[in-house]
N, C-alpha and C. Protein backbone atom coordinates (compact mmCIF):
# COMPACT_ATOMS: atom_id res chain seq x y z
N MET A 1 -191.05 195.17 46.45
CA MET A 1 -192.39 194.68 46.67
C MET A 1 -192.42 193.64 47.81
N LYS A 2 -191.40 192.75 47.80
CA LYS A 2 -191.34 191.73 48.87
C LYS A 2 -191.14 192.39 50.25
N ALA A 3 -190.40 193.49 50.23
CA ALA A 3 -190.16 194.19 51.52
C ALA A 3 -191.47 194.75 52.08
N ASN A 4 -192.30 195.28 51.18
CA ASN A 4 -193.59 195.79 51.61
C ASN A 4 -194.50 194.67 52.19
N VAL A 5 -194.49 193.51 51.53
CA VAL A 5 -195.31 192.39 51.99
C VAL A 5 -194.78 191.89 53.34
N ALA A 6 -193.47 191.83 53.48
CA ALA A 6 -192.86 191.40 54.76
C ALA A 6 -193.21 192.39 55.85
N LEU A 7 -193.13 193.68 55.54
CA LEU A 7 -193.47 194.70 56.57
C LEU A 7 -194.94 194.60 56.92
N THR A 8 -195.81 194.41 55.97
CA THR A 8 -197.23 194.28 56.24
C THR A 8 -197.50 193.07 57.12
N ASN A 9 -196.85 191.95 56.84
CA ASN A 9 -197.03 190.74 57.65
C ASN A 9 -196.50 190.96 59.07
N ALA A 10 -195.39 191.64 59.21
CA ALA A 10 -194.82 191.91 60.52
C ALA A 10 -195.73 192.82 61.32
N MET A 11 -196.27 193.84 60.66
CA MET A 11 -197.20 194.77 61.36
C MET A 11 -198.48 194.04 61.78
N ALA A 12 -198.95 193.13 60.92
CA ALA A 12 -200.18 192.37 61.24
C ALA A 12 -199.90 191.49 62.49
N GLY A 13 -198.72 190.88 62.53
CA GLY A 13 -198.34 190.04 63.69
C GLY A 13 -198.23 190.87 64.96
N ALA A 14 -197.65 192.06 64.87
CA ALA A 14 -197.53 192.94 65.99
C ALA A 14 -198.90 193.41 66.48
N ASN A 15 -199.78 193.68 65.52
CA ASN A 15 -201.15 194.09 65.85
C ASN A 15 -201.88 192.99 66.61
N ARG A 16 -201.76 191.73 66.14
CA ARG A 16 -202.42 190.60 66.84
C ARG A 16 -201.83 190.43 68.23
N ALA A 17 -200.52 190.61 68.38
CA ALA A 17 -199.90 190.46 69.70
C ALA A 17 -200.40 191.55 70.66
N MET A 18 -200.50 192.76 70.18
CA MET A 18 -201.01 193.85 71.04
C MET A 18 -202.47 193.65 71.38
N GLN A 19 -203.26 193.15 70.46
CA GLN A 19 -204.68 192.90 70.77
C GLN A 19 -204.79 191.79 71.82
N SER A 20 -203.96 190.79 71.69
CA SER A 20 -203.96 189.72 72.70
C SER A 20 -203.56 190.23 74.07
N LEU A 21 -202.56 191.08 74.10
CA LEU A 21 -202.10 191.68 75.38
C LEU A 21 -203.19 192.56 75.98
N ASN A 22 -203.84 193.37 75.17
CA ASN A 22 -204.94 194.19 75.66
C ASN A 22 -206.11 193.39 76.21
N ALA A 23 -206.40 192.27 75.55
CA ALA A 23 -207.50 191.42 76.01
C ALA A 23 -207.17 190.79 77.36
N SER A 24 -205.92 190.43 77.58
CA SER A 24 -205.52 189.77 78.81
C SER A 24 -205.25 190.73 79.97
N THR A 25 -205.07 192.02 79.66
CA THR A 25 -204.77 193.02 80.68
C THR A 25 -205.96 193.92 80.89
N ASN A 26 -206.38 194.06 82.16
CA ASN A 26 -207.49 194.95 82.48
C ASN A 26 -206.89 196.26 82.94
N ILE A 27 -206.81 197.20 82.02
CA ILE A 27 -206.18 198.49 82.25
C ILE A 27 -206.92 199.27 83.35
N THR A 28 -208.26 199.21 83.34
CA THR A 28 -209.04 199.94 84.33
C THR A 28 -208.72 199.46 85.73
N GLN A 29 -208.65 198.16 85.91
CA GLN A 29 -208.34 197.60 87.23
C GLN A 29 -206.91 197.94 87.63
N THR A 30 -205.98 197.88 86.70
CA THR A 30 -204.58 198.24 86.98
C THR A 30 -204.47 199.71 87.42
N LEU A 31 -205.14 200.60 86.78
CA LEU A 31 -205.11 202.04 87.15
C LEU A 31 -205.78 202.24 88.51
N ALA A 32 -206.85 201.51 88.80
CA ALA A 32 -207.52 201.64 90.11
C ALA A 32 -206.61 201.14 91.20
N ASP A 33 -205.93 200.05 90.96
CA ASP A 33 -204.99 199.51 91.94
C ASP A 33 -203.82 200.47 92.18
N PHE A 34 -203.34 201.08 91.10
CA PHE A 34 -202.30 202.06 91.22
C PHE A 34 -202.72 203.26 92.08
N ALA A 35 -203.91 203.79 91.81
CA ALA A 35 -204.44 204.92 92.58
C ALA A 35 -204.60 204.54 94.05
N LYS A 36 -205.07 203.35 94.30
CA LYS A 36 -205.28 202.87 95.66
C LYS A 36 -203.93 202.78 96.41
N GLN A 37 -202.94 202.21 95.77
CA GLN A 37 -201.60 202.08 96.37
C GLN A 37 -200.95 203.46 96.56
N SER A 38 -201.16 204.36 95.64
CA SER A 38 -200.63 205.72 95.77
C SER A 38 -201.24 206.40 96.97
N GLU A 39 -202.53 206.28 97.15
CA GLU A 39 -203.21 206.89 98.29
C GLU A 39 -202.73 206.28 99.60
N LEU A 40 -202.52 204.96 99.56
CA LEU A 40 -202.03 204.24 100.74
C LEU A 40 -200.64 204.75 101.15
N MET A 41 -199.77 204.94 100.16
CA MET A 41 -198.43 205.45 100.48
C MET A 41 -198.50 206.87 101.02
N ASP A 42 -199.41 207.67 100.51
CA ASP A 42 -199.57 209.05 101.04
C ASP A 42 -199.99 209.00 102.48
N MET A 43 -200.90 208.09 102.83
CA MET A 43 -201.35 207.97 104.22
C MET A 43 -200.19 207.53 105.11
N HIS A 44 -199.41 206.59 104.63
CA HIS A 44 -198.25 206.13 105.41
C HIS A 44 -197.27 207.25 105.66
N GLU A 45 -197.00 208.02 104.63
CA GLU A 45 -196.05 209.13 104.76
C GLU A 45 -196.58 210.24 105.65
N GLU A 46 -197.82 210.65 105.45
CA GLU A 46 -198.37 211.79 106.17
C GLU A 46 -198.61 211.51 107.63
N TYR A 47 -199.11 210.34 107.96
CA TYR A 47 -199.47 210.04 109.34
C TYR A 47 -198.60 208.99 109.98
N GLY A 48 -197.51 208.63 109.36
CA GLY A 48 -196.56 207.71 109.96
C GLY A 48 -197.13 206.34 110.28
N LEU A 49 -198.10 205.90 109.51
CA LEU A 49 -198.67 204.58 109.70
C LEU A 49 -197.67 203.54 109.20
N PRO A 50 -197.48 202.45 109.93
CA PRO A 50 -196.56 201.41 109.45
C PRO A 50 -197.05 200.81 108.16
N LEU A 51 -196.11 200.32 107.35
CA LEU A 51 -196.48 199.80 106.05
C LEU A 51 -197.21 198.47 106.16
N LEU A 52 -197.31 197.89 107.33
CA LEU A 52 -198.03 196.62 107.43
C LEU A 52 -199.54 196.77 107.38
N TYR A 53 -200.06 198.02 107.52
CA TYR A 53 -201.50 198.21 107.48
C TYR A 53 -201.99 198.14 106.02
N THR A 54 -203.18 197.54 105.85
CA THR A 54 -203.79 197.45 104.53
C THR A 54 -204.49 198.75 104.24
N TYR A 55 -204.98 198.90 103.02
CA TYR A 55 -205.68 200.08 102.58
C TYR A 55 -206.92 200.31 103.46
N GLU A 56 -207.69 199.25 103.70
CA GLU A 56 -208.90 199.34 104.47
C GLU A 56 -208.60 199.71 105.95
N GLU A 57 -207.52 199.17 106.51
CA GLU A 57 -207.13 199.55 107.88
C GLU A 57 -206.70 201.00 107.94
N CYS A 58 -206.04 201.48 106.92
CA CYS A 58 -205.62 202.90 106.89
C CYS A 58 -206.82 203.80 106.81
N LEU A 59 -207.85 203.39 106.08
CA LEU A 59 -209.08 204.21 106.02
C LEU A 59 -209.73 204.34 107.39
N ILE A 60 -209.55 203.35 108.22
CA ILE A 60 -210.08 203.42 109.59
C ILE A 60 -209.17 204.27 110.48
N LEU A 61 -207.85 204.07 110.37
CA LEU A 61 -206.90 204.76 111.21
C LEU A 61 -206.70 206.22 110.83
N PHE A 62 -206.82 206.53 109.56
CA PHE A 62 -206.59 207.88 109.06
C PHE A 62 -207.49 208.91 109.77
N PRO A 63 -208.79 208.67 109.83
CA PRO A 63 -209.63 209.70 110.54
C PRO A 63 -209.29 209.79 112.03
N LYS A 64 -208.89 208.67 112.63
CA LYS A 64 -208.52 208.71 114.06
C LYS A 64 -207.28 209.56 114.25
N ARG A 65 -206.29 209.40 113.39
CA ARG A 65 -205.06 210.19 113.50
C ARG A 65 -205.34 211.65 113.21
N LEU A 66 -206.21 211.91 112.23
CA LEU A 66 -206.56 213.29 111.90
C LEU A 66 -207.28 213.94 113.06
N LEU A 67 -208.21 213.24 113.72
CA LEU A 67 -208.91 213.75 114.89
C LEU A 67 -207.93 214.01 116.04
N ASP A 68 -207.04 213.08 116.25
CA ASP A 68 -206.01 213.26 117.29
C ASP A 68 -205.20 214.52 117.05
N ASP A 69 -204.80 214.72 115.77
CA ASP A 69 -204.01 215.91 115.44
C ASP A 69 -204.80 217.19 115.71
N LEU A 70 -206.08 217.19 115.34
CA LEU A 70 -206.92 218.38 115.57
C LEU A 70 -207.09 218.65 117.05
N LEU A 71 -207.32 217.59 117.84
CA LEU A 71 -207.48 217.79 119.28
C LEU A 71 -206.19 218.23 119.94
N GLU A 72 -205.07 217.72 119.43
CA GLU A 72 -203.77 218.14 119.98
C GLU A 72 -203.55 219.61 119.73
N ASP A 73 -203.86 220.10 118.53
CA ASP A 73 -203.72 221.51 118.22
C ASP A 73 -204.61 222.35 119.13
N SER A 74 -205.81 221.88 119.39
CA SER A 74 -206.74 222.60 120.25
C SER A 74 -206.18 222.74 121.66
N GLU A 75 -205.56 221.68 122.17
CA GLU A 75 -204.98 221.71 123.51
C GLU A 75 -203.80 222.70 123.55
N GLU A 76 -203.04 222.74 122.48
CA GLU A 76 -201.91 223.69 122.43
C GLU A 76 -202.40 225.14 122.43
N GLU A 77 -203.51 225.37 121.71
CA GLU A 77 -204.07 226.73 121.66
C GLU A 77 -204.58 227.13 123.05
N GLU A 78 -205.23 226.20 123.74
CA GLU A 78 -205.72 226.50 125.09
C GLU A 78 -204.55 226.82 126.04
N ALA A 79 -203.49 226.04 125.94
CA ALA A 79 -202.33 226.27 126.79
C ALA A 79 -201.72 227.63 126.48
N ALA A 80 -201.61 227.98 125.23
CA ALA A 80 -201.07 229.28 124.81
C ALA A 80 -201.93 230.42 125.36
N GLN A 81 -203.24 230.25 125.26
CA GLN A 81 -204.15 231.30 125.77
C GLN A 81 -204.03 231.47 127.25
N GLU A 82 -203.84 230.36 127.98
CA GLU A 82 -203.68 230.42 129.41
C GLU A 82 -202.40 231.19 129.79
N ILE A 83 -201.34 230.99 129.04
CA ILE A 83 -200.07 231.70 129.28
C ILE A 83 -200.26 233.18 129.02
N VAL A 84 -200.93 233.51 127.95
CA VAL A 84 -201.16 234.94 127.60
C VAL A 84 -201.99 235.61 128.69
N ASP A 85 -203.06 234.88 129.14
CA ASP A 85 -203.92 235.43 130.21
C ASP A 85 -203.11 235.64 131.52
N SER A 86 -202.25 234.71 131.86
CA SER A 86 -201.48 234.88 133.07
C SER A 86 -200.51 236.04 133.01
N VAL A 87 -199.93 236.26 131.81
CA VAL A 87 -199.04 237.41 131.62
C VAL A 87 -199.83 238.70 131.77
N PHE A 88 -201.01 238.76 131.16
CA PHE A 88 -201.84 239.96 131.26
C PHE A 88 -202.23 240.20 132.72
N ASP A 89 -202.55 239.16 133.45
CA ASP A 89 -202.91 239.29 134.86
C ASP A 89 -201.72 239.85 135.68
N GLU A 90 -200.51 239.39 135.38
CA GLU A 90 -199.35 239.85 136.09
C GLU A 90 -199.04 241.32 135.87
N ILE A 91 -199.29 241.81 134.68
CA ILE A 91 -199.02 243.21 134.38
C ILE A 91 -200.26 244.09 134.59
N GLY A 92 -201.35 243.47 134.99
CA GLY A 92 -202.55 244.24 135.33
C GLY A 92 -203.39 244.69 134.18
N LEU A 93 -203.33 244.01 133.08
CA LEU A 93 -204.19 244.33 131.93
C LEU A 93 -205.43 243.47 131.95
N GLU A 94 -206.53 244.06 131.59
CA GLU A 94 -207.77 243.31 131.45
C GLU A 94 -208.17 243.29 129.99
N VAL A 95 -208.46 242.13 129.53
CA VAL A 95 -208.89 242.00 128.12
C VAL A 95 -210.29 241.42 128.15
N SER A 96 -211.24 242.15 127.59
CA SER A 96 -212.60 241.66 127.53
C SER A 96 -212.86 241.15 126.12
N GLU A 97 -213.47 240.01 126.05
CA GLU A 97 -213.76 239.41 124.75
C GLU A 97 -215.12 239.93 124.29
N LYS A 98 -215.14 240.56 123.15
CA LYS A 98 -216.38 241.06 122.58
C LYS A 98 -216.64 240.27 121.28
N VAL A 99 -217.84 239.80 121.15
CA VAL A 99 -218.18 239.00 119.99
C VAL A 99 -218.88 239.88 118.99
């Protein structure tokens, strides 16, 4: 019987400690901070941004890097098309673009 009372008292103490911890810890804010930091690390890894940039700075730089990447790809496609056209000209083929 004493063991049951001691166990009940110990569980009540553990329960109070956990309630106190929950009251002092804002789980929602902690999870939001974790998600923010995770997204920040993804930006750093994907676009090679230095770790010294803050989350807000990365949100500004991320679209700029993305736009630069898109424009760079466009320039590569144009260069490739020019090479193909010059090869066709050399061998005397005409290619008409039909939409």
